[in-house]
C-alpha atoms as a PDB file:
ATOM      1  CA  MET A   1    -301.679  56.625  16.363  1.00  0.00           C
ATOM      2  CA  ALA A   2    -300.128  56.466  12.943  1.00  0.00           C
ATOM      3  CA  THR A   3    -300.101  59.481  10.677  1.00  0.00           C
ATOM      4  CA  LYS A   4    -302.562  59.589   7.836  1.00  0.00           C
ATOM      5  CA  GLY A   5    -301.376  59.643   4.253  1.00  0.00           C
ATOM      6  CA  LYS A   6    -302.790  61.536   1.313  1.00  0.00           C
ATOM      7  CA  GLU A   7    -306.388  61.006   0.294  1.00  0.00           C
ATOM      8  CA  LEU A   8    -307.120  59.158  -2.896  1.00  0.00           C
ATOM      9  CA  SER A   9    -308.453  61.124  -5.826  1.00  0.00           C
ATOM     10  CA  GLY A  10    -312.059  60.709  -6.860  1.00  0.00           C
ATOM     11  CA  ASN A  11    -311.060  59.057 -10.148  1.00  0.00           C
ATOM     12  CA  LEU A  12    -308.953  56.437  -8.379  1.00  0.00           C
ATOM     13  CA  LYS A  13    -311.824  55.638  -5.999  1.00  0.00           C
ATOM     14  CA  LYS A  14    -314.159  55.217  -8.986  1.00  0.00           C
ATOM     15  CA  ILE A  15    -311.681  52.849 -10.648  1.00  0.00           C
ATOM     16  CA  ILE A  16    -311.437  50.767  -7.448  1.00  0.00           C
ATOM     17  CA  PHE A  17    -315.219  50.632  -7.121  1.00  0.00           C
ATOM     18  CA  ASN A  18    -315.751  49.706 -10.799  1.00  0.00           C
ATOM     19  CA  LEU A  19    -313.182  46.901 -10.583  1.00  0.00           C
ATOM     20  CA  HIS A  20    -314.893  45.596  -7.431  1.00  0.00           C
ATOM     21  CA  LYS A  21    -318.284  45.822  -9.153  1.00  0.00           C
ATOM     22  CA  ASN A  22    -316.890  43.775 -12.063  1.00  0.00           C
ATOM     23  CA  GLY A  23    -316.087  40.973  -9.628  1.00  0.00           C
ATOM     24  CA  LEU A  24    -312.387  41.386  -8.917  1.00  0.00           C
ATOM     25  CA  GLY A  25    -311.189  40.671  -5.402  1.00  0.00           C
ATOM     26  CA  TYR A  26    -309.349  43.045  -3.101  1.00  0.00           C
ATOM     27  CA  ASN A  27    -305.980  41.437  -3.752  1.00  0.00           C
ATOM     28  CA  LEU A  28    -306.285  41.628  -7.560  1.00  0.00           C
ATOM     29  CA  ILE A  29    -307.450  45.249  -7.427  1.00  0.00           C
ATOM     30  CA  SER A  30    -304.521  46.254  -5.213  1.00  0.00           C
ATOM     31  CA  LYS A  31    -302.018  44.538  -7.535  1.00  0.00           C
ATOM     32  CA  ARG A  32    -303.528  46.033 -10.689  1.00  0.00           C
ATOM     33  CA  ILE A  33    -303.583  49.640  -9.387  1.00  0.00           C
ATOM     34  CA  HIS A  34    -300.443  49.315  -7.220  1.00  0.00           C
ATOM     35  CA  ILE A  35    -302.195  50.361  -4.022  1.00  0.00           C
ATOM     36  CA  ASN A  36    -302.110  48.716  -0.597  1.00  0.00           C
ATOM     37  CA  ILE A  37    -304.833  46.122  -0.106  1.00  0.00           C
ATOM     38  CA  ASN A  38    -306.000  47.812   3.110  1.00  0.00           C
ATOM     39  CA  THR A  39    -306.653  51.004   1.143  1.00  0.00           C
ATOM     40  CA  VAL A  40    -308.810  49.106  -1.342  1.00  0.00           C
ATOM     41  CA  VAL A  41    -310.753  47.491   1.505  1.00  0.00           C
ATOM     42  CA  LYS A  42    -311.309  50.851   3.223  1.00  0.00           C
ATOM     43  CA  VAL A  43    -312.594  52.505   0.024  1.00  0.00           C
ATOM     44  CA  ILE A  44    -315.105  49.745  -0.641  1.00  0.00           C
ATOM     45  CA  GLN A  45    -316.211  49.548   3.017  1.00  0.00           C
ATOM     46  CA  LYS A  46    -316.709  53.308   3.113  1.00  0.00           C
ATOM     47  CA  TYR A  47    -318.854  53.124  -0.029  1.00  0.00           C
ATOM     48  CA  LYS A  48    -320.971  50.338   1.448  1.00  0.00           C
ATOM     49  CA  ALA A  49    -321.472  52.339   4.667  1.00  0.00           C
ATOM     50  CA  THR A  50    -322.179  55.778   3.182  1.00  0.00           C
ATOM     51  CA  GLY A  51    -323.238  55.072  -0.395  1.00  0.00           C
ATOM     52  CA  ARG A  52    -320.798  57.598  -1.881  1.00  0.00           C
ATOM     53  CA  LEU A  53    -317.159  57.778  -2.911  1.00  0.00           C
ATOM     54  CA  THR A  54    -316.520  61.446  -2.183  1.00  0.00           C
ATOM     55  CA  ASN A  55    -314.625  62.610   0.875  1.00  0.00           C
ATOM     56  CA  LYS A  56    -316.548  64.076   3.783  1.00  0.00           C
ATOM     57  CA  GLN A  57    -316.601  67.842   4.112  1.00  0.00           C
ATOM     58  CA  ARG A  58    -314.264  68.973   6.865  1.00  0.00           C
ATOM     59  CA  PRO A  59    -315.237  71.694   9.291  1.00  0.00           C
ATOM     60  CA  SER A  60    -313.688  75.033   8.442  1.00  0.00           C
ATOM     61  CA  ARG A  61    -312.317  77.686  10.745  1.00  0.00           C
ATOM     62  CA  PRO A  62    -315.090  79.557  12.582  1.00  0.00           C
ATOM     63  CA  ALA A  63    -315.856  82.986  11.164  1.00  0.00           C
ATOM     64  CA  ILE A  64    -314.620  86.012  13.104  1.00  0.00           C
ATOM     65  CA  LEU A  65    -317.404  88.298  11.933  1.00  0.00           C
ATOM     66  CA  THR A  66    -321.067  87.581  12.396  1.00  0.00           C
ATOM     67  CA  VAL A  67    -323.774  88.561   9.926  1.00  0.00           C
ATOM     68  CA  HIS A  68    -324.562  91.479  12.229  1.00  0.00           C
ATOM     69  CA  ASP A  69    -320.949  92.713  12.035  1.00  0.00           C
ATOM     70  CA  ILE A  70    -320.925  92.437   8.243  1.00  0.00           C
ATOM     71  CA  ASP A  71    -324.128  94.501   8.076  1.00  0.00           C
ATOM     72  CA  HIS A  72    -322.446  97.178  10.211  1.00  0.00           C
ATOM     73  CA  ILE A  73    -319.446  97.258   7.873  1.00  0.00           C
ATOM     74  CA  GLN A  74    -321.739  97.633   4.865  1.00  0.00           C
ATOM     75  CA  ARG A  75    -323.580 100.475   6.576  1.00  0.00           C
ATOM     76  CA  TYR A  76    -320.302 102.258   7.379  1.00  0.00           C
ATOM     77  CA  VAL A  77    -319.243 101.987   3.747  1.00  0.00           C
ATOM     78  CA  MET A  78    -322.568 103.176   2.379  1.00  0.00           C
ATOM     79  CA  ASP A  79    -322.503 106.204   4.705  1.00  0.00           C
ATOM     80  CA  ASN A  80    -319.038 107.248   3.525  1.00  0.00           C
ATOM     81  CA  ARG A  81    -317.599 105.624   0.401  1.00  0.00           C
ATOM     82  CA  CYS A  82    -314.155 107.179   0.991  1.00  0.00           C
ATOM     83  CA  ARG A  83    -313.308 104.919   3.931  1.00  0.00           C
ATOM     84  CA  THR A  84    -310.362 102.586   3.680  1.00  0.00           C
ATOM     85  CA  ALA A  85    -310.304  98.969   4.808  1.00  0.00           C
ATOM     86  CA  SER A  86    -307.928  99.790   7.657  1.00  0.00           C
ATOM     87  CA  SER A  87    -310.243 102.490   9.034  1.00  0.00           C
ATOM     88  CA  LEU A  88    -313.194 100.093   8.759  1.00  0.00           C
ATOM     89  CA  ALA A  89    -311.230  97.385  10.595  1.00  0.00           C
ATOM     90  CA  GLN A  90    -310.452  99.814  13.417  1.00  0.00           C
ATOM     91  CA  GLU A  91    -314.115 100.833  13.586  1.00  0.00           C
ATOM     92  CA  VAL A  92    -315.283  97.216  13.810  1.00  0.00           C
ATOM     93  CA  SER A  93    -312.707  96.318  16.453  1.00  0.00           C
ATOM     94  CA  SER A  94    -313.679  99.332  18.569  1.00  0.00           C
ATOM     95  CA  VAL A  95    -317.412  98.596  18.331  1.00  0.00           C
ATOM     96  CA  SER A  96    -317.454  94.797  18.595  1.00  0.00           C
ATOM     97  CA  GLY A  97    -314.222  94.220  20.515  1.00  0.00           C
ATOM     98  CA  LYS A  98    -312.989  91.681  17.947  1.00  0.00           C
ATOM     99  CA  SER A  99    -309.590  92.122  16.343  1.00  0.00           C
ATOM    100  CA  VAL A 100    -310.274  92.151  12.612  1.00  0.00           C
ATOM    101  CA  SER A 101    -307.650  92.427   9.893  1.00  0.00           C
ATOM    102  CA  THR A 102    -307.998  94.690   6.883  1.00  0.00           C
ATOM    103  CA  LYS A 103    -307.928  91.627   4.616  1.00  0.00           C
ATOM    104  CA  THR A 104    -310.980  90.209   6.404  1.00  0.00           C
ATOM    105  CA  VAL A 105    -312.894  93.457   5.907  1.00  0.00           C
ATOM    106  CA  HIS A 106    -311.779  93.540   2.277  1.00  0.00           C
ATOM    107  CA  ARG A 107    -312.952  89.958   1.619  1.00  0.00           C
ATOM    108  CA  LYS A 108    -316.302  90.468   3.329  1.00  0.00           C
ATOM    109  CA  LEU A 109    -317.014  93.633   1.338  1.00  0.00           C
ATOM    110  CA  ASN A 110    -316.117  91.819  -1.888  1.00  0.00           C
ATOM    111  CA  GLN A 111    -318.523  89.015  -0.953  1.00  0.00           C
ATOM    112  CA  CYS A 112    -321.235  91.647  -0.460  1.00  0.00           C
ATOM    113  CA  GLY A 113    -320.602  92.986  -3.976  1.00  0.00           C
ATOM    114  CA  LEU A 114    -318.676  96.103  -2.938  1.00  0.00           C
ATOM    115  CA  HIS A 115    -315.336  96.378  -4.712  1.00  0.00           C
ATOM    116  CA  GLU A 116    -312.557  98.823  -4.003  1.00  0.00           C
ATOM    117  CA  ARG A 117    -311.563 101.663  -6.282  1.00  0.00           C
ATOM    118  CA  ILE A 118    -308.918 104.361  -6.398  1.00  0.00           C
ATOM    119  CA  PRO A 119    -310.475 107.803  -5.820  1.00  0.00           C
ATOM    120  CA  ARG A 120    -310.016 110.502  -8.421  1.00  0.00           C
ATOM    121  CA  ARG A 121    -307.593 113.234  -7.442  1.00  0.00           C
ATOM    122  CA  LYS A 122    -308.632 116.851  -7.730  1.00  0.00           C
ATOM    123  CA  PRO A 123    -306.065 119.188  -9.299  1.00  0.00           C
ATOM    124  CA  LEU A 124    -304.500 121.353  -6.616  1.00  0.00           C
ATOM    125  CA  LEU A 125    -304.257 124.477  -8.778  1.00  0.00           C
ATOM    126  CA  THR A 126    -307.434 126.149  -9.950  1.00  0.00           C
ATOM    127  CA  THR A 127    -307.621 128.626 -12.828  1.00  0.00           C
ATOM    128  CA  GLY A 128    -307.540 131.482 -10.290  1.00  0.00           C
ATOM    129  CA  HIS A 129    -304.329 130.150  -8.774  1.00  0.00           C
ATOM    130  CA  LYS A 130    -302.744 129.833 -12.193  1.00  0.00           C
ATOM    131  CA  SER A 131    -303.666 133.375 -13.253  1.00  0.00           C
ATOM    132  CA  SER A 132    -302.362 134.912 -10.003  1.00  0.00           C
ATOM    133  CA  ARG A 133    -299.081 133.007 -10.372  1.00  0.00           C
ATOM    134  CA  LEU A 134    -298.758 134.219 -13.957  1.00  0.00           C
ATOM    135  CA  SER A 135    -299.334 137.847 -12.967  1.00  0.00           C
ATOM    136  CA  PHE A 136    -296.741 137.493 -10.154  1.00  0.00           C
ATOM    137  CA  ALA A 137    -294.230 136.053 -12.628  1.00  0.00           C
ATOM    138  CA  LYS A 138    -294.856 138.886 -15.111  1.00  0.00           C
ATOM    139  CA  ILE A 139    -294.233 141.520 -12.424  1.00  0.00           C
ATOM    140  CA  TYR A 140    -290.926 140.045 -11.244  1.00  0.00           C
ATOM    141  CA  VAL A 141    -289.563 138.654 -14.529  1.00  0.00           C
ATOM    142  CA  SER A 142    -287.273 141.639 -15.142  1.00  0.00           C
ATOM    143  CA  LYS A 143    -285.652 141.690 -11.664  1.00  0.00           C
ATOM    144  CA  ARG A 144    -281.904 141.101 -11.430  1.00  0.00           C
ATOM    145  CA  LYS A 145    -280.172 138.127  -9.845  1.00  0.00           C
ATOM    146  CA  GLU A 146    -279.131 140.163  -6.770  1.00  0.00           C
ATOM    147  CA  PHE A 147    -282.811 140.793  -5.994  1.00  0.00           C
ATOM    148  CA  TRP A 148    -283.590 137.065  -6.032  1.00  0.00           C
ATOM    149  CA  ASN A 149    -280.548 136.230  -3.882  1.00  0.00           C
ATOM    150  CA  LYS A 150    -281.999 138.354  -1.047  1.00  0.00           C
ATOM    151  CA  ILE A 151    -285.304 136.456  -1.042  1.00  0.00           C
ATOM    152  CA  LEU A 152    -285.822 133.495   1.262  1.00  0.00           C
ATOM    153  CA  PHE A 153    -288.206 130.874  -0.164  1.00  0.00           C
ATOM    154  CA  SER A 154    -289.897 129.081   2.716  1.00  0.00           C
ATOM    155  CA  ASP A 155    -292.806 127.401   0.964  1.00  0.00           C
ATOM    156  CA  ASP A 156    -290.882 124.690  -0.852  1.00  0.00           C
ATOM    157  CA  THR A 157    -293.138 121.722  -1.349  1.00  0.00           C
ATOM    158  CA  LYS A 158    -292.727 118.264  -2.763  1.00  0.00           C
ATOM    159  CA  ASN A 159    -292.524 117.989  -6.505  1.00  0.00           C
ATOM    160  CA  ASN A 160    -294.825 114.995  -6.824  1.00  0.00           C
ATOM    161  CA  LEU A 161    -298.102 116.884  -6.596  1.00  0.00           C
ATOM    162  CA  PHE A 162    -299.913 114.241  -8.632  1.00  0.00           C
ATOM    163  CA  GLY A 163    -297.449 111.387  -8.216  1.00  0.00           C
ATOM    164  CA  SER A 164    -297.779 108.385  -5.983  1.00  0.00           C
ATOM    165  CA  ASP A 165    -297.594 108.771  -2.226  1.00  0.00           C
ATOM    166  CA  GLY A 166    -299.030 105.302  -1.904  1.00  0.00           C
ATOM    167  CA  ILE A 167    -302.283 104.204  -3.436  1.00  0.00           C
ATOM    168  CA  LYS A 168    -305.338 104.774  -1.271  1.00  0.00           C
ATOM    169  CA  ARG A 169    -308.178 102.400  -2.075  1.00  0.00           C
ATOM    170  CA  VAL A 170    -311.739 103.153  -1.053  1.00  0.00           C
ATOM    171  CA  TRP A 171    -315.157 101.672  -1.710  1.00  0.00           C
END
């Protein structure tokens, strides 16, 4: 079997059909538009058989998730809005046994009208923490350098308390 070429555009099919309707033959149409005569014949025959110039709809890939699965995902999200797409995908794959990607979950939730957001971060230091740190600093502000050299600081933490450790998106 020979390979198929590109499909003709809708405008080109309309031009072919209008020229045929005006009484031109297949050979004249093919010379005027610079298309193979067999292509012109096929377009006109297809119109006579189906009554339309548009291309037939092709079957798409079958959906992984059923309507039932999508309802479950929506219910999971509505129960806890702080769930990520990856955790939802793991939940669906454990319940239904289907391997679902995070992108699939993301697209299905968007189709249902649920869009992701970045959760607000709560400040780690409260006013009580700040006041106790200030009182500690006032007590030890006058100590000499030798005093501080004897102290071992073991609670060093990262400096990016509010910076990015990767963006977590939830619904």
